[in-house]
Amino acid sequence: MKQNNKPQKRIVSKNRAAHHEYFIDETFVAGIELKGSEVRSIRERAAEITEAFVLIRGGEAWLHGMHISPYSHGNRWNADPDRKKRLLLHKKEIRYLASKARDKGVAIVPLELFFDSHNRAKLLIGLGRGKKLYDKRASIAKRDSDREIARALKARSSRYFL
């Protein structure tokens, strides 16, 4: 019996600001239509999704604002680093996302770019409701208090094992 030691998911880029700016309600995994040199560049971890967003146009989902640096060993036929890329989703998912995105304050935001177990580039997208300033302050305060509690517990437990 052969064991598969290959990792299930290899994360290339994360959008950390998304969880600060939005409450993420639902997530979907979408494929991305890429050119060969773009895939090679993503393997070199030369992709940035922090400024990216998803729009639904003509029954298709499009990713705007994702920057993929030109492939280091590429030639003059490298793709435009900031071109819009089509997301590969089922038609039912696209219709659902389009209906949810029509609501006020809801956006479709990319959360992370990764390679799945079959070495295909995938994008985790989420339906996000925008946070207000007081929500952001509350989440920062909660994160700080959790950090203080963890620090106190660690100091307390290390005292007993000395």
N, C-alpha and C. Protein backbone atom coordinates (compact mmCIF):
# COMPACT_ATOMS: atom_id res chain seq x y z
N MET A 1 0.84 -1.18 0.00
CA MET A 1 0.00 0.00 0.00
C MET A 1 0.89 1.24 0.00
N LYS A 2 0.66 2.12 -0.96
CA LYS A 2 1.47 3.32 -1.11
C LYS A 2 0.81 4.48 -0.36
N GLN A 3 1.62 5.17 0.44
CA GLN A 3 1.11 6.32 1.18
C GLN A 3 1.33 7.58 0.38
N ASN A 4 0.37 8.46 0.44
CA ASN A 4 0.49 9.73 -0.25
C ASN A 4 0.95 10.79 0.74
N ASN A 5 2.21 11.19 0.67
CA ASN A 5 2.76 12.18 1.58
C ASN A 5 2.68 13.60 1.01
N LYS A 6 2.01 13.75 -0.13
CA LYS A 6 1.90 15.05 -0.77
C LYS A 6 0.94 15.93 0.06
N PRO A 7 1.30 17.19 0.30
CA PRO A 7 0.39 18.05 1.05
C PRO A 7 -0.91 18.29 0.29
N GLN A 8 -1.99 18.41 1.00
CA GLN A 8 -3.29 18.59 0.37
C GLN A 8 -3.44 19.98 -0.26
N LYS A 9 -2.84 20.99 0.37
CA LYS A 9 -3.03 22.35 -0.09
C LYS A 9 -1.75 23.15 0.17
N ARG A 10 -1.19 23.77 -0.87
CA ARG A 10 0.03 24.56 -0.73
C ARG A 10 -0.31 26.03 -0.97
N ILE A 11 -0.37 26.81 0.11
CA ILE A 11 -0.81 28.20 0.02
C ILE A 11 0.31 29.05 -0.57
N VAL A 12 -0.05 29.88 -1.55
CA VAL A 12 0.90 30.76 -2.21
C VAL A 12 0.77 32.18 -1.68
N SER A 13 -0.46 32.66 -1.56
CA SER A 13 -0.68 34.03 -1.13
C SER A 13 -1.98 34.11 -0.34
N LYS A 14 -1.97 34.94 0.72
CA LYS A 14 -3.16 35.14 1.54
C LYS A 14 -3.53 36.61 1.54
N ASN A 15 -4.82 36.87 1.64
CA ASN A 15 -5.32 38.23 1.75
C ASN A 15 -5.70 38.46 3.22
N ARG A 16 -4.73 38.89 4.00
CA ARG A 16 -4.95 39.08 5.43
C ARG A 16 -5.87 40.25 5.72
N ALA A 17 -5.86 41.24 4.86
CA ALA A 17 -6.69 42.42 5.07
C ALA A 17 -8.18 42.11 4.91
N ALA A 18 -8.51 41.05 4.18
CA ALA A 18 -9.91 40.72 3.94
C ALA A 18 -10.66 40.44 5.23
N HIS A 19 -10.03 39.71 6.15
CA HIS A 19 -10.70 39.39 7.41
C HIS A 19 -10.79 40.62 8.31
N HIS A 20 -9.94 41.61 8.08
CA HIS A 20 -10.02 42.85 8.85
C HIS A 20 -11.10 43.77 8.30
N GLU A 21 -11.30 43.75 6.99
CA GLU A 21 -12.25 44.65 6.34
C GLU A 21 -13.66 44.08 6.23
N TYR A 22 -13.80 42.75 6.25
CA TYR A 22 -15.09 42.12 5.99
C TYR A 22 -15.40 41.03 7.00
N PHE A 23 -16.71 40.81 7.24
CA PHE A 23 -17.19 39.59 7.89
C PHE A 23 -17.38 38.59 6.75
N ILE A 24 -16.69 37.47 6.78
CA ILE A 24 -16.78 36.48 5.70
C ILE A 24 -17.90 35.50 6.05
N ASP A 25 -18.96 35.49 5.22
CA ASP A 25 -20.12 34.64 5.47
C ASP A 25 -19.94 33.25 4.87
N GLU A 26 -19.62 33.17 3.59
CA GLU A 26 -19.48 31.90 2.89
C GLU A 26 -18.21 31.91 2.06
N THR A 27 -17.66 30.72 1.82
CA THR A 27 -16.47 30.63 0.97
C THR A 27 -16.71 29.63 -0.15
N PHE A 28 -16.03 29.87 -1.26
CA PHE A 28 -16.10 29.01 -2.44
C PHE A 28 -14.69 28.82 -2.97
N VAL A 29 -14.43 27.68 -3.58
CA VAL A 29 -13.14 27.42 -4.23
C VAL A 29 -13.36 27.51 -5.73
N ALA A 30 -12.55 28.36 -6.38
CA ALA A 30 -12.69 28.58 -7.82
C ALA A 30 -11.36 28.30 -8.50
N GLY A 31 -11.43 27.75 -9.68
CA GLY A 31 -10.25 27.60 -10.52
C GLY A 31 -9.97 28.94 -11.20
N ILE A 32 -8.77 29.09 -11.72
CA ILE A 32 -8.40 30.33 -12.40
C ILE A 32 -7.89 29.98 -13.79
N GLU A 33 -8.33 30.75 -14.79
CA GLU A 33 -7.84 30.56 -16.15
C GLU A 33 -6.55 31.36 -16.29
N LEU A 34 -5.42 30.64 -16.38
CA LEU A 34 -4.10 31.27 -16.42
C LEU A 34 -3.33 30.84 -17.65
N LYS A 35 -2.32 31.62 -17.99
CA LYS A 35 -1.39 31.25 -19.05
C LYS A 35 -0.23 30.49 -18.41
N GLY A 36 0.55 29.78 -19.20
CA GLY A 36 1.63 28.94 -18.68
C GLY A 36 2.67 29.70 -17.89
N SER A 37 3.07 30.87 -18.40
CA SER A 37 4.09 31.63 -17.68
C SER A 37 3.55 32.16 -16.36
N GLU A 38 2.24 32.42 -16.29
CA GLU A 38 1.63 32.88 -15.03
C GLU A 38 1.66 31.78 -13.98
N VAL A 39 1.41 30.55 -14.39
CA VAL A 39 1.45 29.43 -13.45
C VAL A 39 2.87 29.26 -12.91
N ARG A 40 3.85 29.36 -13.79
CA ARG A 40 5.25 29.23 -13.34
C ARG A 40 5.62 30.35 -12.38
N SER A 41 5.12 31.54 -12.64
CA SER A 41 5.39 32.67 -11.77
C SER A 41 4.72 32.48 -10.41
N ILE A 42 3.51 31.94 -10.41
CA ILE A 42 2.82 31.68 -9.13
C ILE A 42 3.57 30.63 -8.33
N ARG A 43 4.14 29.64 -9.01
CA ARG A 43 4.94 28.63 -8.30
C ARG A 43 6.15 29.27 -7.62
N GLU A 44 6.65 30.38 -8.17
CA GLU A 44 7.74 31.13 -7.55
C GLU A 44 7.22 32.08 -6.45
N ARG A 45 5.95 32.00 -6.15
CA ARG A 45 5.27 32.84 -5.14
C ARG A 45 5.34 34.32 -5.49
N ALA A 46 5.17 34.63 -6.76
CA ALA A 46 5.23 36.02 -7.21
C ALA A 46 3.84 36.54 -7.54
N ALA A 47 2.85 36.26 -6.66
CA ALA A 47 1.48 36.72 -6.88
C ALA A 47 0.99 37.49 -5.66
N GLU A 48 0.17 38.48 -5.91
CA GLU A 48 -0.36 39.33 -4.83
C GLU A 48 -1.86 39.51 -5.02
N ILE A 49 -2.64 39.18 -3.99
CA ILE A 49 -4.10 39.27 -4.10
C ILE A 49 -4.72 40.27 -3.13
N THR A 50 -3.93 41.09 -2.45
CA THR A 50 -4.50 41.97 -1.44
C THR A 50 -5.41 43.04 -2.03
N GLU A 51 -5.14 43.51 -3.23
CA GLU A 51 -5.95 44.55 -3.86
C GLU A 51 -6.99 43.97 -4.82
N ALA A 52 -7.13 42.66 -4.87
CA ALA A 52 -7.99 42.03 -5.86
C ALA A 52 -9.46 42.01 -5.42
N PHE A 53 -10.34 41.91 -6.41
CA PHE A 53 -11.77 41.79 -6.16
C PHE A 53 -12.40 41.02 -7.32
N VAL A 54 -13.60 40.51 -7.09
CA VAL A 54 -14.28 39.67 -8.09
C VAL A 54 -15.53 40.41 -8.57
N LEU A 55 -15.73 40.44 -9.89
CA LEU A 55 -16.94 41.00 -10.49
C LEU A 55 -17.60 39.92 -11.33
N ILE A 56 -18.94 39.95 -11.38
CA ILE A 56 -19.70 39.03 -12.21
C ILE A 56 -20.21 39.84 -13.40
N ARG A 57 -19.78 39.49 -14.60
CA ARG A 57 -20.17 40.18 -15.82
C ARG A 57 -20.50 39.15 -16.90
N GLY A 58 -21.69 39.27 -17.47
CA GLY A 58 -22.08 38.40 -18.58
C GLY A 58 -22.13 36.93 -18.20
N GLY A 59 -22.53 36.62 -16.98
CA GLY A 59 -22.63 35.23 -16.56
C GLY A 59 -21.30 34.58 -16.27
N GLU A 60 -20.24 35.38 -16.15
CA GLU A 60 -18.91 34.86 -15.83
C GLU A 60 -18.33 35.64 -14.66
N ALA A 61 -17.50 34.99 -13.87
CA ALA A 61 -16.84 35.64 -12.74
C ALA A 61 -15.43 36.04 -13.19
N TRP A 62 -15.06 37.29 -12.94
CA TRP A 62 -13.77 37.82 -13.34
C TRP A 62 -13.02 38.33 -12.12
N LEU A 63 -11.74 38.04 -12.07
CA LEU A 63 -10.88 38.50 -10.99
C LEU A 63 -10.08 39.71 -11.48
N HIS A 64 -10.27 40.83 -10.82
CA HIS A 64 -9.58 42.07 -11.18
C HIS A 64 -8.58 42.41 -10.08
N GLY A 65 -7.47 43.02 -10.46
CA GLY A 65 -6.53 43.55 -9.50
C GLY A 65 -5.53 42.56 -8.93
N MET A 66 -5.53 41.34 -9.39
CA MET A 66 -4.52 40.37 -8.93
C MET A 66 -3.25 40.59 -9.74
N HIS A 67 -2.15 40.79 -9.04
CA HIS A 67 -0.88 41.05 -9.72
C HIS A 67 -0.03 39.78 -9.70
N ILE A 68 0.35 39.32 -10.89
CA ILE A 68 1.27 38.19 -11.04
C ILE A 68 2.50 38.73 -11.75
N SER A 69 3.63 38.77 -11.06
CA SER A 69 4.85 39.30 -11.66
C SER A 69 5.26 38.46 -12.86
N PRO A 70 5.90 39.07 -13.84
CA PRO A 70 6.35 38.29 -15.01
C PRO A 70 7.31 37.18 -14.58
N TYR A 71 7.22 36.06 -15.27
CA TYR A 71 8.06 34.90 -14.97
C TYR A 71 9.53 35.26 -15.17
N SER A 72 10.36 34.90 -14.21
CA SER A 72 11.78 35.31 -14.23
C SER A 72 12.53 34.74 -15.43
N HIS A 73 12.17 33.54 -15.89
CA HIS A 73 12.85 32.94 -17.04
C HIS A 73 11.99 33.02 -18.30
N GLY A 74 11.00 33.90 -18.28
CA GLY A 74 10.11 34.05 -19.43
C GLY A 74 10.74 34.91 -20.51
N ASN A 75 9.99 35.09 -21.58
CA ASN A 75 10.48 35.91 -22.69
C ASN A 75 9.51 37.07 -22.91
N ARG A 76 9.54 37.64 -24.08
CA ARG A 76 8.70 38.81 -24.33
C ARG A 76 7.21 38.45 -24.43
N TRP A 77 6.87 37.20 -24.46
CA TRP A 77 5.47 36.77 -24.56
C TRP A 77 4.83 36.56 -23.19
N ASN A 78 5.49 37.00 -22.13
CA ASN A 78 4.86 36.92 -20.81
C ASN A 78 3.55 37.70 -20.82
N ALA A 79 2.58 37.21 -20.07
CA ALA A 79 1.28 37.86 -20.02
C ALA A 79 1.36 39.16 -19.21
N ASP A 80 0.40 40.03 -19.44
CA ASP A 80 0.32 41.30 -18.70
C ASP A 80 0.12 40.97 -17.21
N PRO A 81 0.93 41.53 -16.32
CA PRO A 81 0.85 41.19 -14.90
C PRO A 81 -0.47 41.53 -14.23
N ASP A 82 -1.18 42.54 -14.75
CA ASP A 82 -2.42 42.99 -14.10
C ASP A 82 -3.67 42.69 -14.92
N ARG A 83 -3.60 41.78 -15.86
CA ARG A 83 -4.78 41.48 -16.68
C ARG A 83 -5.86 40.83 -15.83
N LYS A 84 -7.12 40.97 -16.27
CA LYS A 84 -8.20 40.33 -15.52
C LYS A 84 -8.24 38.85 -15.90
N LYS A 85 -8.55 38.02 -14.91
CA LYS A 85 -8.54 36.58 -15.10
C LYS A 85 -9.93 36.01 -14.85
N ARG A 86 -10.32 35.05 -15.68
CA ARG A 86 -11.64 34.44 -15.52
C ARG A 86 -11.57 33.37 -14.45
N LEU A 87 -12.58 33.35 -13.57
CA LEU A 87 -12.68 32.33 -12.54
C LEU A 87 -13.56 31.20 -13.04
N LEU A 88 -13.18 29.99 -12.72
CA LEU A 88 -13.89 28.81 -13.18
C LEU A 88 -14.79 28.31 -12.04
N LEU A 89 -16.08 28.59 -12.17
CA LEU A 89 -17.08 28.19 -11.20
C LEU A 89 -18.25 27.54 -11.94
N HIS A 90 -19.05 26.78 -11.22
CA HIS A 90 -20.28 26.24 -11.80
C HIS A 90 -21.27 27.38 -12.02
N LYS A 91 -22.11 27.24 -13.03
CA LYS A 91 -23.08 28.27 -13.37
C LYS A 91 -24.01 28.57 -12.19
N LYS A 92 -24.36 27.54 -11.45
CA LYS A 92 -25.23 27.72 -10.28
C LYS A 92 -24.54 28.57 -9.22
N GLU A 93 -23.24 28.34 -9.01
CA GLU A 93 -22.48 29.13 -8.04
C GLU A 93 -22.37 30.58 -8.49
N ILE A 94 -22.16 30.80 -9.79
CA ILE A 94 -22.05 32.16 -10.30
C ILE A 94 -23.36 32.90 -10.11
N ARG A 95 -24.48 32.25 -10.40
CA ARG A 95 -25.79 32.89 -10.20
C ARG A 95 -26.02 33.22 -8.73
N TYR A 96 -25.62 32.30 -7.86
CA TYR A 96 -25.80 32.53 -6.41
C TYR A 96 -24.94 33.71 -5.95
N LEU A 97 -23.68 33.74 -6.38
CA LEU A 97 -22.79 34.85 -6.01
C LEU A 97 -23.31 36.18 -6.55
N ALA A 98 -23.83 36.18 -7.78
CA ALA A 98 -24.35 37.41 -8.38
C ALA A 98 -25.55 37.92 -7.60
N SER A 99 -26.43 37.01 -7.18
CA SER A 99 -27.61 37.44 -6.42
C SER A 99 -27.22 38.00 -5.06
N LYS A 100 -26.23 37.39 -4.41
CA LYS A 100 -25.78 37.87 -3.11
C LYS A 100 -25.01 39.20 -3.23
N ALA A 101 -24.25 39.37 -4.31
CA ALA A 101 -23.44 40.58 -4.49
C ALA A 101 -24.30 41.80 -4.78
N ARG A 102 -25.55 41.59 -5.20
CA ARG A 102 -26.44 42.73 -5.45
C ARG A 102 -26.85 43.42 -4.15
N ASP A 103 -26.80 42.72 -3.02
CA ASP A 103 -27.16 43.31 -1.73
C ASP A 103 -26.18 44.41 -1.38
N LYS A 104 -26.66 45.38 -0.65
CA LYS A 104 -25.80 46.51 -0.27
C LYS A 104 -24.79 46.06 0.78
N GLY A 105 -23.53 46.46 0.58
CA GLY A 105 -22.47 46.15 1.55
C GLY A 105 -21.86 44.78 1.41
N VAL A 106 -22.23 44.02 0.37
CA VAL A 106 -21.69 42.68 0.16
C VAL A 106 -20.72 42.71 -1.02
N ALA A 107 -19.56 42.11 -0.83
CA ALA A 107 -18.54 42.04 -1.88
C ALA A 107 -18.01 40.62 -1.97
N ILE A 108 -17.50 40.28 -3.14
CA ILE A 108 -16.86 38.98 -3.33
C ILE A 108 -15.36 39.23 -3.29
N VAL A 109 -14.70 38.73 -2.25
CA VAL A 109 -13.28 39.02 -2.05
C VAL A 109 -12.45 37.74 -2.11
N PRO A 110 -11.28 37.78 -2.74
CA PRO A 110 -10.38 36.63 -2.71
C PRO A 110 -9.70 36.54 -1.35
N LEU A 111 -9.63 35.32 -0.81
CA LEU A 111 -9.04 35.11 0.52
C LEU A 111 -7.65 34.49 0.44
N GLU A 112 -7.48 33.46 -0.38
CA GLU A 112 -6.15 32.87 -0.53
C GLU A 112 -6.00 32.19 -1.88
N LEU A 113 -4.78 32.20 -2.37
CA LEU A 113 -4.40 31.55 -3.62
C LEU A 113 -3.55 30.35 -3.25
N PHE A 114 -3.89 29.17 -3.80
CA PHE A 114 -3.18 27.96 -3.41
C PHE A 114 -3.16 26.96 -4.55
N PHE A 115 -2.30 25.96 -4.41
CA PHE A 115 -2.28 24.81 -5.32
C PHE A 115 -2.93 23.65 -4.60
N ASP A 116 -3.87 22.97 -5.26
CA ASP A 116 -4.53 21.83 -4.63
C ASP A 116 -3.67 20.57 -4.78
N SER A 117 -4.22 19.43 -4.38
CA SER A 117 -3.45 18.18 -4.39
C SER A 117 -3.11 17.72 -5.81
N HIS A 118 -3.80 18.25 -6.83
CA HIS A 118 -3.51 17.89 -8.22
C HIS A 118 -2.65 18.95 -8.90
N ASN A 119 -2.04 19.85 -8.10
CA ASN A 119 -1.17 20.92 -8.59
C ASN A 119 -1.88 21.88 -9.54
N ARG A 120 -3.13 22.17 -9.24
CA ARG A 120 -3.88 23.16 -10.00
C ARG A 120 -4.03 24.41 -9.15
N ALA A 121 -3.86 25.56 -9.76
CA ALA A 121 -4.00 26.82 -9.02
C ALA A 121 -5.47 27.06 -8.73
N LYS A 122 -5.79 27.32 -7.49
CA LYS A 122 -7.17 27.58 -7.06
C LYS A 122 -7.20 28.85 -6.24
N LEU A 123 -8.37 29.46 -6.17
CA LEU A 123 -8.57 30.68 -5.41
C LEU A 123 -9.75 30.47 -4.47
N LEU A 124 -9.54 30.75 -3.20
CA LEU A 124 -10.61 30.70 -2.22
C LEU A 124 -11.23 32.09 -2.17
N ILE A 125 -12.51 32.18 -2.54
CA ILE A 125 -13.19 33.47 -2.51
C ILE A 125 -14.28 33.43 -1.46
N GLY A 126 -14.61 34.58 -0.93
CA GLY A 126 -15.62 34.64 0.12
C GLY A 126 -16.60 35.77 -0.12
N LEU A 127 -17.82 35.55 0.38
CA LEU A 127 -18.82 36.60 0.38
C LEU A 127 -18.61 37.41 1.65
N GLY A 128 -18.24 38.66 1.51
CA GLY A 128 -17.92 39.48 2.67
C GLY A 128 -18.87 40.65 2.84
N ARG A 129 -19.31 40.85 4.08
CA ARG A 129 -20.08 42.04 4.43
C ARG A 129 -19.12 43.02 5.07
N GLY A 130 -19.14 44.25 4.61
CA GLY A 130 -18.20 45.26 5.10
C GLY A 130 -18.35 45.54 6.58
N LYS A 131 -17.22 45.68 7.26
CA LYS A 131 -17.22 46.01 8.68
C LYS A 131 -17.25 47.53 8.85
N LYS A 132 -17.90 47.95 9.91
CA LYS A 132 -17.87 49.36 10.29
C LYS A 132 -16.63 49.59 11.14
N LEU A 133 -16.31 50.84 11.40
CA LEU A 133 -15.12 51.18 12.16
C LEU A 133 -15.16 50.60 13.57
N TYR A 134 -16.35 50.63 14.20
CA TYR A 134 -16.44 50.09 15.56
C TYR A 134 -16.29 48.57 15.57
N ASP A 135 -16.69 47.90 14.48
CA ASP A 135 -16.48 46.45 14.38
C ASP A 135 -14.99 46.14 14.30
N LYS A 136 -14.26 46.95 13.54
CA LYS A 136 -12.82 46.74 13.40
C LYS A 136 -12.12 46.95 14.74
N ARG A 137 -12.54 47.99 15.46
CA ARG A 137 -11.95 48.25 16.77
C ARG A 137 -12.24 47.10 17.73
N ALA A 138 -13.44 46.56 17.69
CA ALA A 138 -13.81 45.46 18.57
C ALA A 138 -12.99 44.21 18.25
N SER A 139 -12.77 43.93 16.97
CA SER A 139 -11.99 42.75 16.61
C SER A 139 -10.52 42.91 17.02
N ILE A 140 -10.00 44.13 16.93
CA ILE A 140 -8.61 44.39 17.37
C ILE A 140 -8.51 44.21 18.88
N ALA A 141 -9.51 44.73 19.62
CA ALA A 141 -9.50 44.59 21.08
C ALA A 141 -9.60 43.13 21.49
N LYS A 142 -10.43 42.35 20.80
CA LYS A 142 -10.57 40.92 21.11
C LYS A 142 -9.27 40.18 20.83
N ARG A 143 -8.62 40.49 19.72
CA ARG A 143 -7.36 39.86 19.37
C ARG A 143 -6.29 40.17 20.42
N ASP A 144 -6.23 41.44 20.87
CA ASP A 144 -5.27 41.82 21.90
C ASP A 144 -5.53 41.12 23.22
N SER A 145 -6.81 41.02 23.62
CA SER A 145 -7.13 40.36 24.89
C SER A 145 -6.82 38.86 24.80
N ASP A 146 -7.11 38.24 23.65
CA ASP A 146 -6.77 36.82 23.49
C ASP A 146 -5.26 36.60 23.57
N ARG A 147 -4.50 37.52 23.01
CA ARG A 147 -3.04 37.42 23.06
C ARG A 147 -2.54 37.54 24.50
N GLU A 148 -3.14 38.46 25.27
CA GLU A 148 -2.75 38.63 26.68
C GLU A 148 -3.09 37.39 27.50
N ILE A 149 -4.25 36.79 27.26
CA ILE A 149 -4.65 35.58 27.97
C ILE A 149 -3.70 34.44 27.65
N ALA A 150 -3.36 34.28 26.37
CA ALA A 150 -2.44 33.21 25.97
C ALA A 150 -1.07 33.41 26.60
N ARG A 151 -0.61 34.66 26.65
CA ARG A 151 0.68 34.96 27.27
C ARG A 151 0.67 34.63 28.77
N ALA A 152 -0.43 34.98 29.44
CA ALA A 152 -0.54 34.70 30.88
C ALA A 152 -0.59 33.21 31.16
N LEU A 153 -1.33 32.47 30.33
CA LEU A 153 -1.42 31.02 30.50
C LEU A 153 -0.07 30.36 30.26
N LYS A 154 0.66 30.85 29.28
CA LYS A 154 1.97 30.28 28.98
C LYS A 154 2.94 30.54 30.14
N ALA A 155 2.92 31.75 30.69
CA ALA A 155 3.79 32.08 31.81
C ALA A 155 3.42 31.27 33.04
N ARG A 156 2.14 31.06 33.24
CA ARG A 156 1.66 30.29 34.39
C ARG A 156 2.07 28.82 34.28
N SER A 157 1.91 28.24 33.08
CA SER A 157 2.24 26.83 32.91
C SER A 157 3.75 26.59 32.95
N SER A 158 4.54 27.55 32.47
CA SER A 158 6.00 27.36 32.49
C SER A 158 6.54 27.45 33.91
N ARG A 159 5.82 28.15 34.80
CA ARG A 159 6.25 28.27 36.17
C ARG A 159 6.19 26.91 36.89
N TYR A 160 5.19 26.09 36.53
CA TYR A 160 5.02 24.80 37.19
C TYR A 160 6.03 23.75 36.73
N PHE A 161 6.58 23.92 35.53
CA PHE A 161 7.49 22.91 35.00
C PHE A 161 8.95 23.23 35.20
N LEU A 162 9.27 24.25 35.94
CA LEU A 162 10.68 24.59 36.19
C LEU A 162 11.28 23.81 37.29
